[in-house]
């Protein structure tokens, strides 16, 4: 009788162990599903980050082009400043020529008189 009781107790323990194994297996399945979902989310995040990097790289290219355009504009402005300086120098020369002509006319008038 004691042996039967011990065997019955052992069967109960084995049943509990089987239930525990089932629960562990269920937990493993859940963990595997979570890992798969997590990997999927990480992969999606990597794709988003790659797209963001591409957009940032495109933005850098646009900024580089803008900088080039600004540099070109600065060169044009410098050339315009030089041109204005040349025109101002030309005006000074013309003023001097006009003064010389006026002086010559005064001398001619004096000579004629």
Protein backbone atom coordinates (compact mmCIF):
# COMPACT_ATOMS: atom_id res chain seq x y z
CA UNK A 1 0.00 0.00 0.00
CA UNK A 2 2.79 2.36 0.88
CA UNK A 3 4.48 1.52 -2.41
CA UNK A 4 1.28 2.24 -4.30
CA UNK A 5 0.94 5.52 -2.43
CA UNK A 6 4.54 6.39 -3.30
CA UNK A 7 3.95 5.47 -6.95
CA UNK A 8 0.75 7.55 -7.00
CA UNK A 9 2.66 10.46 -5.44
CA UNK A 10 5.37 9.98 -8.08
CA UNK A 11 2.74 10.02 -10.83
CA UNK A 12 1.35 13.25 -9.42
CA UNK A 13 4.85 14.73 -9.36
CA UNK A 14 5.45 13.54 -12.93
CA UNK A 15 2.12 15.07 -14.02
CA UNK A 16 3.16 18.36 -12.44
CA UNK A 17 6.55 18.12 -14.19
CA UNK A 18 4.80 17.48 -17.52
CA UNK A 19 2.60 20.56 -16.91
CA UNK A 20 5.71 22.56 -16.03
CA UNK A 21 7.47 21.38 -19.22
CA UNK A 22 4.38 22.33 -21.22
CA UNK A 23 4.38 25.79 -19.62
CA UNK A 24 8.11 26.18 -20.33
CA UNK A 25 7.55 25.11 -23.94
CA UNK A 26 4.69 27.63 -24.23
CA UNK A 27 6.98 30.28 -22.76
CA UNK A 28 9.71 29.40 -25.25
CA UNK A 29 7.21 29.69 -28.10
CA UNK A 30 6.11 33.10 -26.81
CA UNK A 31 9.74 34.20 -26.47
CA UNK A 32 10.51 33.02 -30.00
CA UNK A 33 7.52 35.01 -31.30
CA UNK A 34 8.69 38.08 -29.36
CA UNK A 35 12.21 37.69 -30.71
CA UNK A 36 10.89 37.41 -34.27
CA UNK A 37 8.73 40.50 -33.77
CA UNK A 38 11.64 42.37 -32.22
CA UNK A 39 13.95 41.41 -35.09
CA UNK A 40 11.31 42.56 -37.57
CA UNK A 41 10.94 45.89 -35.76
CA UNK A 42 14.72 46.33 -35.62
CA UNK A 43 14.98 45.57 -39.35
CA UNK A 44 12.20 48.10 -40.06
CA UNK A 45 14.02 50.63 -37.89
CA UNK A 46 17.23 50.01 -39.80
CA UNK A 47 15.40 50.60 -43.08
CA UNK A 48 13.98 53.87 -41.73
CA UNK A 49 17.43 54.93 -40.53
CA UNK A 50 18.92 54.09 -43.94
CA UNK A 51 16.23 56.22 -45.60
CA UNK A 52 16.98 59.06 -43.19
CA UNK A 53 20.69 58.77 -43.94
CA UNK A 54 19.92 58.92 -47.66
CA UNK A 55 17.78 62.03 -47.11
CA UNK A 56 20.50 63.66 -45.02
CA UNK A 57 23.07 62.85 -47.72
CA UNK A 58 20.75 64.38 -50.33
CA UNK A 59 20.38 67.45 -48.11
CA UNK A 60 24.15 67.72 -47.83
CA UNK A 61 24.43 67.62 -51.62
CA UNK A 62 21.84 70.39 -51.92
CA UNK A 63 23.69 72.45 -49.31
CA UNK A 64 26.98 71.92 -51.16
CA UNK A 65 25.32 73.11 -54.37
CA UNK A 66 23.94 76.15 -52.55
CA UNK A 67 27.38 76.93 -51.15
CA UNK A 68 28.82 76.66 -54.66
CA UNK A 69 26.12 79.02 -55.96
CA UNK A 70 26.83 81.49 -53.14
CA UNK A 71 30.57 81.31 -53.87
CA UNK A 72 29.85 81.92 -57.56
CA UNK A 73 27.64 84.88 -56.58
CA UNK A 74 30.43 86.28 -54.44
CA UNK A 75 32.82 86.04 -57.38
CA UNK A 76 30.32 87.86 -59.60
CA UNK A 77 29.87 90.56 -56.95
CA UNK A 78 33.64 90.98 -56.66
CA UNK A 79 33.83 91.36 -60.45
CA UNK A 80 31.02 93.92 -60.32
CA UNK A 81 32.86 95.86 -57.62
CA UNK A 82 35.97 95.87 -59.80
CA UNK A 83 33.84 97.05 -62.73
CA UNK A 84 32.36 99.85 -60.63
CA UNK A 85 35.88 100.84 -59.56
CA UNK A 86 36.96 100.88 -63.21
CA UNK A 87 33.93 103.01 -64.15
CA UNK A 88 34.67 105.41 -61.28
CA UNK A 89 38.30 105.65 -62.45
CA UNK A 90 37.03 106.32 -65.98
CA UNK A 91 34.73 109.07 -64.70
CA UNK A 92 37.68 110.69 -62.92
CA UNK A 93 39.69 110.56 -66.14
CA UNK A 94 36.77 112.05 -68.07
CA UNK A 95 36.41 114.82 -65.46
CA UNK A 96 40.10 115.62 -65.89
CA UNK A 97 39.69 115.63 -69.67
CA UNK A 98 36.70 117.96 -69.40
CA UNK A 99 38.71 120.28 -67.14
CA UNK A 100 41.58 120.19 -69.62
CA UNK A 101 39.20 120.99 -72.49
CA UNK A 102 37.61 123.82 -70.47
CA UNK A 103 41.07 125.19 -69.66
CA UNK A 104 42.02 124.95 -73.33
CA UNK A 105 38.83 126.76 -74.34
CA UNK A 106 39.54 129.52 -71.83
CA UNK A 107 43.06 129.84 -73.25
CA UNK A 108 41.66 129.92 -76.82
CA UNK A 109 39.14 132.57 -75.85
CA UNK A 110 41.92 134.56 -74.21
CA UNK A 111 44.09 134.15 -77.27
CA UNK A 112 41.22 135.17 -79.57
CA UNK A 113 40.50 138.23 -77.47
